[in-house]
C-alpha atoms as a PDB file:
ATOM      1  CA  MET A   1     153.240 108.070  77.332  1.00  0.00           C
ATOM      2  CA  ASP A   2     153.673 110.560  80.035  1.00  0.00           C
ATOM      3  CA  ILE A   3     156.870 112.647  80.602  1.00  0.00           C
ATOM      4  CA  SER A   4     157.237 115.430  83.048  1.00  0.00           C
ATOM      5  CA  LEU A   5     159.939 117.940  83.608  1.00  0.00           C
ATOM      6  CA  ASP A   6     159.727 120.573  86.670  1.00  0.00           C
ATOM      7  CA  LEU A   7     162.543 123.324  86.528  1.00  0.00           C
ATOM      8  CA  LEU A   8     162.895 125.908  89.552  1.00  0.00           C
ATOM      9  CA  LEU A   9     164.845 128.460  88.007  1.00  0.00           C
ATOM     10  CA  PRO A  10     166.297 131.803  89.350  1.00  0.00           C
ATOM     11  CA  ARG A  11     164.616 135.050  87.871  1.00  0.00           C
ATOM     12  CA  GLU A  12     167.755 135.543  85.786  1.00  0.00           C
ATOM     13  CA  THR A  13     168.216 136.029  81.779  1.00  0.00           C
ATOM     14  CA  ALA A  14     170.655 132.920  81.565  1.00  0.00           C
ATOM     15  CA  SER A  15     167.576 130.791  83.029  1.00  0.00           C
ATOM     16  CA  VAL A  16     165.959 131.570  79.655  1.00  0.00           C
ATOM     17  CA  PRO A  17     168.462 129.762  77.061  1.00  0.00           C
ATOM     18  CA  ALA A  18     168.940 126.681  79.796  1.00  0.00           C
ATOM     19  CA  THR A  19     165.263 126.074  79.976  1.00  0.00           C
ATOM     20  CA  ARG A  20     165.143 126.402  76.066  1.00  0.00           C
ATOM     21  CA  LYS A  21     167.632 123.741  75.636  1.00  0.00           C
ATOM     22  CA  ILE A  22     166.347 121.195  78.449  1.00  0.00           C
ATOM     23  CA  LEU A  23     163.063 121.329  76.923  1.00  0.00           C
ATOM     24  CA  ASP A  24     164.673 121.120  73.139  1.00  0.00           C
ATOM     25  CA  ALA A  25     166.565 118.376  73.806  1.00  0.00           C
ATOM     26  CA  SER A  26     163.747 116.001  75.260  1.00  0.00           C
ATOM     27  CA  LEU A  27     161.459 116.938  72.365  1.00  0.00           C
ATOM     28  CA  GLN A  28     164.339 116.234  69.681  1.00  0.00           C
ATOM     29  CA  ALA A  29     165.001 113.057  71.402  1.00  0.00           C
ATOM     30  CA  LEU A  30     161.561 112.045  71.187  1.00  0.00           C
ATOM     31  CA  GLY A  31     161.709 112.719  67.428  1.00  0.00           C
ATOM     32  CA  VAL A  32     159.228 115.817  67.348  1.00  0.00           C
ATOM     33  CA  ASP A  33     159.045 117.963  64.520  1.00  0.00           C
ATOM     34  CA  GLU A  34     161.486 120.606  64.053  1.00  0.00           C
ATOM     35  CA  HIS A  35     158.932 123.035  63.454  1.00  0.00           C
ATOM     36  CA  ILE A  36     156.891 122.197  66.168  1.00  0.00           C
ATOM     37  CA  ARG A  37     160.083 122.524  68.364  1.00  0.00           C
ATOM     38  CA  GLY A  38     160.524 125.860  66.843  1.00  0.00           C
ATOM     39  CA  ASP A  39     157.044 127.067  67.923  1.00  0.00           C
ATOM     40  CA  ILE A  40     157.477 125.750  71.392  1.00  0.00           C
ATOM     41  CA  GLU A  41     160.872 127.268  71.751  1.00  0.00           C
ATOM     42  CA  ILE A  42     159.594 130.807  70.877  1.00  0.00           C
ATOM     43  CA  MET A  43     156.601 130.594  73.418  1.00  0.00           C
ATOM     44  CA  LEU A  44     158.620 129.578  75.973  1.00  0.00           C
ATOM     45  CA  THR A  45     161.101 132.117  75.521  1.00  0.00           C
ATOM     46  CA  GLU A  46     158.285 134.846  75.598  1.00  0.00           C
ATOM     47  CA  ALA A  47     156.676 133.326  78.629  1.00  0.00           C
ATOM     48  CA  CYS A  48     160.108 133.063  80.693  1.00  0.00           C
ATOM     49  CA  THR A  49     161.172 136.373  79.340  1.00  0.00           C
ATOM     50  CA  ASN A  50     158.103 138.075  80.600  1.00  0.00           C
ATOM     51  CA  VAL A  51     158.867 136.616  84.262  1.00  0.00           C
ATOM     52  CA  ILE A  52     162.381 138.081  84.128  1.00  0.00           C
ATOM     53  CA  ARG A  53     160.926 141.348  83.238  1.00  0.00           C
ATOM     54  CA  HIS A  54     157.809 141.718  85.249  1.00  0.00           C
ATOM     55  CA  ALA A  55     158.061 139.295  88.227  1.00  0.00           C
ATOM     56  CA  ARG A  56     159.286 140.490  91.647  1.00  0.00           C
ATOM     57  CA  HIS A  57     162.868 140.979  91.843  1.00  0.00           C
ATOM     58  CA  GLY A  58     164.845 138.043  93.238  1.00  0.00           C
ATOM     59  CA  ASP A  59     161.922 135.380  93.326  1.00  0.00           C
ATOM     60  CA  ASP A  60     162.341 132.009  91.674  1.00  0.00           C
ATOM     61  CA  TYR A  61     160.107 130.657  89.141  1.00  0.00           C
ATOM     62  CA  THR A  62     158.820 127.449  87.685  1.00  0.00           C
ATOM     63  CA  VAL A  63     158.528 125.823  84.306  1.00  0.00           C
ATOM     64  CA  ARG A  64     156.528 122.798  84.229  1.00  0.00           C
ATOM     65  CA  ALA A  65     156.363 120.858  81.017  1.00  0.00           C
ATOM     66  CA  ALA A  66     154.574 117.698  80.401  1.00  0.00           C
ATOM     67  CA  ILE A  67     154.234 115.499  77.566  1.00  0.00           C
ATOM     68  CA  HIS A  68     151.278 113.153  77.023  1.00  0.00           C
ATOM     69  CA  ASP A  69     151.485 111.215  73.730  1.00  0.00           C
ATOM     70  CA  GLU A  70     150.775 114.046  71.102  1.00  0.00           C
ATOM     71  CA  ARG A  71     150.550 117.083  73.280  1.00  0.00           C
ATOM     72  CA  CYS A  72     152.941 119.396  75.227  1.00  0.00           C
ATOM     73  CA  VAL A  73     151.763 121.594  77.765  1.00  0.00           C
ATOM     74  CA  ILE A  74     154.014 123.910  79.463  1.00  0.00           C
ATOM     75  CA  LYS A  75     153.275 126.060  82.588  1.00  0.00           C
ATOM     76  CA  VAL A  76     155.420 128.872  83.473  1.00  0.00           C
ATOM     77  CA  ILE A  77     154.575 130.037  87.023  1.00  0.00           C
ATOM     78  CA  ASP A  78     155.946 133.010  88.821  1.00  0.00           C
ATOM     79  CA  SER A  79     155.118 134.933  92.160  1.00  0.00           C
ATOM     80  CA  GLY A  80     154.803 138.160  91.116  1.00  0.00           C
ATOM     81  CA  GLY A  81     151.748 140.687  91.332  1.00  0.00           C
ATOM     82  CA  GLY A  82     149.892 139.021  88.478  1.00  0.00           C
ATOM     83  CA  PHE A  83     148.355 140.500  85.566  1.00  0.00           C
ATOM     84  CA  ASP A  84     145.168 140.892  83.448  1.00  0.00           C
ATOM     85  CA  ALA A  85     145.843 139.707  79.910  1.00  0.00           C
ATOM     86  CA  GLU A  86     142.602 140.919  78.477  1.00  0.00           C
ATOM     87  CA  ARG A  87     143.800 144.338  79.851  1.00  0.00           C
ATOM     88  CA  VAL A  88     147.360 144.422  78.089  1.00  0.00           C
ATOM     89  CA  PRO A  89     147.042 146.978  74.897  1.00  0.00           C
ATOM     90  CA  GLU A  90     147.622 145.685  71.618  1.00  0.00           C
ATOM     91  CA  PRO A  91     151.453 146.169  70.813  1.00  0.00           C
ATOM     92  CA  ASP A  92     152.476 148.984  68.272  1.00  0.00           C
ATOM     93  CA  PRO A  93     153.327 147.077  65.313  1.00  0.00           C
ATOM     94  CA  VAL A  94     157.081 148.774  64.781  1.00  0.00           C
ATOM     95  CA  SER A  95     157.595 148.339  68.865  1.00  0.00           C
ATOM     96  CA  GLU A  96     160.523 145.651  69.666  1.00  0.00           C
ATOM     97  CA  HIS A  97     158.553 145.498  73.046  1.00  0.00           C
ATOM     98  CA  GLY A  98     155.188 144.389  74.018  1.00  0.00           C
ATOM     99  CA  ARG A  99     154.568 141.355  71.382  1.00  0.00           C
ATOM    100  CA  GLY A 100     154.875 138.404  74.009  1.00  0.00           C
ATOM    101  CA  LEU A 101     151.319 137.700  74.624  1.00  0.00           C
ATOM    102  CA  MET A 102     150.434 138.349  70.942  1.00  0.00           C
ATOM    103  CA  ILE A 103     153.438 135.691  69.918  1.00  0.00           C
ATOM    104  CA  MET A 104     152.541 133.077  72.320  1.00  0.00           C
ATOM    105  CA  ARG A 105     148.551 133.227  71.519  1.00  0.00           C
ATOM    106  CA  SER A 106     149.561 132.820  67.948  1.00  0.00           C
ATOM    107  CA  LEU A 107     151.824 129.778  68.214  1.00  0.00           C
ATOM    108  CA  ALA A 108     149.677 127.670  70.892  1.00  0.00           C
ATOM    109  CA  ASP A 109     147.083 125.659  70.244  1.00  0.00           C
ATOM    110  CA  ASP A 110     145.823 126.614  73.431  1.00  0.00           C
ATOM    111  CA  VAL A 111     146.756 129.410  75.750  1.00  0.00           C
ATOM    112  CA  ARG A 112     145.626 130.418  79.003  1.00  0.00           C
ATOM    113  CA  PHE A 113     146.802 133.193  81.737  1.00  0.00           C
ATOM    114  CA  ASP A 114     145.776 132.882  84.904  1.00  0.00           C
ATOM    115  CA  SER A 115     146.525 135.941  87.683  1.00  0.00           C
ATOM    116  CA  TYR A 116     146.546 135.377  91.278  1.00  0.00           C
ATOM    117  CA  PRO A 117     147.218 138.986  92.880  1.00  0.00           C
ATOM    118  CA  GLU A 118     149.847 139.051  94.991  1.00  0.00           C
ATOM    119  CA  ASP A 119     150.721 135.695  94.578  1.00  0.00           C
ATOM    120  CA  GLY A 120     151.722 135.447  91.235  1.00  0.00           C
ATOM    121  CA  ALA A 121     150.683 134.554  87.279  1.00  0.00           C
ATOM    122  CA  LEU A 122     150.555 131.269  85.354  1.00  0.00           C
ATOM    123  CA  VAL A 123     150.849 131.152  81.655  1.00  0.00           C
ATOM    124  CA  ALA A 124     149.751 127.870  80.161  1.00  0.00           C
ATOM    125  CA  LEU A 125     150.714 126.795  76.430  1.00  0.00           C
ATOM    126  CA  GLU A 126     149.673 123.848  75.123  1.00  0.00           C
ATOM    127  CA  LYS A 127     151.139 122.670  71.430  1.00  0.00           C
ATOM    128  CA  HIS A 128     150.106 119.216  69.381  1.00  0.00           C
ATOM    129  CA  LEU A 129     153.112 117.341  68.800  1.00  0.00           C
ATOM    130  CA  ASP A 130     153.929 115.325  65.585  1.00  0.00           C
ATOM    131  CA  TYR A 131     156.592 112.757  65.479  1.00  0.00           C
ATOM    132  CA  ALA A 132     158.934 111.697  62.858  1.00  0.00           C
ATOM    133  CA  ALA A 133     158.275 108.172  61.291  1.00  0.00           C
ATOM    134  CA  GLY A 134     159.820 105.763  63.502  1.00  0.00           C
ATOM    135  CA  SER A 135     160.601 107.901  66.242  1.00  0.00           C
ATOM    136  CA  ILE A 136     160.801 107.081  69.943  1.00  0.00           C
ATOM    137  CA  GLY A 137     158.289 109.317  70.771  1.00  0.00           C
ATOM    138  CA  GLY A 138     156.101 108.165  67.703  1.00  0.00           C
ATOM    139  CA  ARG A 139     156.414 104.776  69.099  1.00  0.00           C
ATOM    140  CA  LEU A 140     155.701 105.558  72.603  1.00  0.00           C
ATOM    141  CA  ALA A 141     152.604 107.581  71.714  1.00  0.00           C
ATOM    142  CA  ASP A 142     151.332 104.971  69.699  1.00  0.00           C
ATOM    143  CA  THR A 143     151.817 102.068  72.500  1.00  0.00           C
ATOM    144  CA  ARG A 144     148.605 101.959  74.416  1.00  0.00           C
ATOM    145  CA  SER A 145     148.265  99.476  77.180  1.00  0.00           C
ATOM    146  CA  PRO A 146     145.502  97.091  77.367  1.00  0.00           C
ATOM    147  CA  LYS A 147     142.601  98.193  79.864  1.00  0.00           C
ATOM    148  CA  ALA A 148     142.316  95.811  82.951  1.00  0.00           C
END
């Protein structure tokens, strides 16, 4: 099973809940475990919110989600100035801001931050999917076409 969603979004705060709802509806329809959907929702929110706050004003951004059997990969791509994730300081534990990278790292099974100075940044988040028994996603992930 391969499912892809490509969303080109304005750099507006309203794009964040819209993106969350679109991806969550897809995952829910497939029967993905609620806890995993919650982790994905938080990771996606953090990645998109970082674009809203830090990318160049007025530019669009892309959210690309791919579901392959029992794996979901989300890429959030902006056209800002880029950033070096390793140089972002550890957040203050009592601060309301600055914890996005830490949250994404803790919830994702794999996370990658790539920066292309003056061309933007890419955040790639990967999460293993568990499906409810008898769910559409579970049945599709279990169906393997025979090799020719």
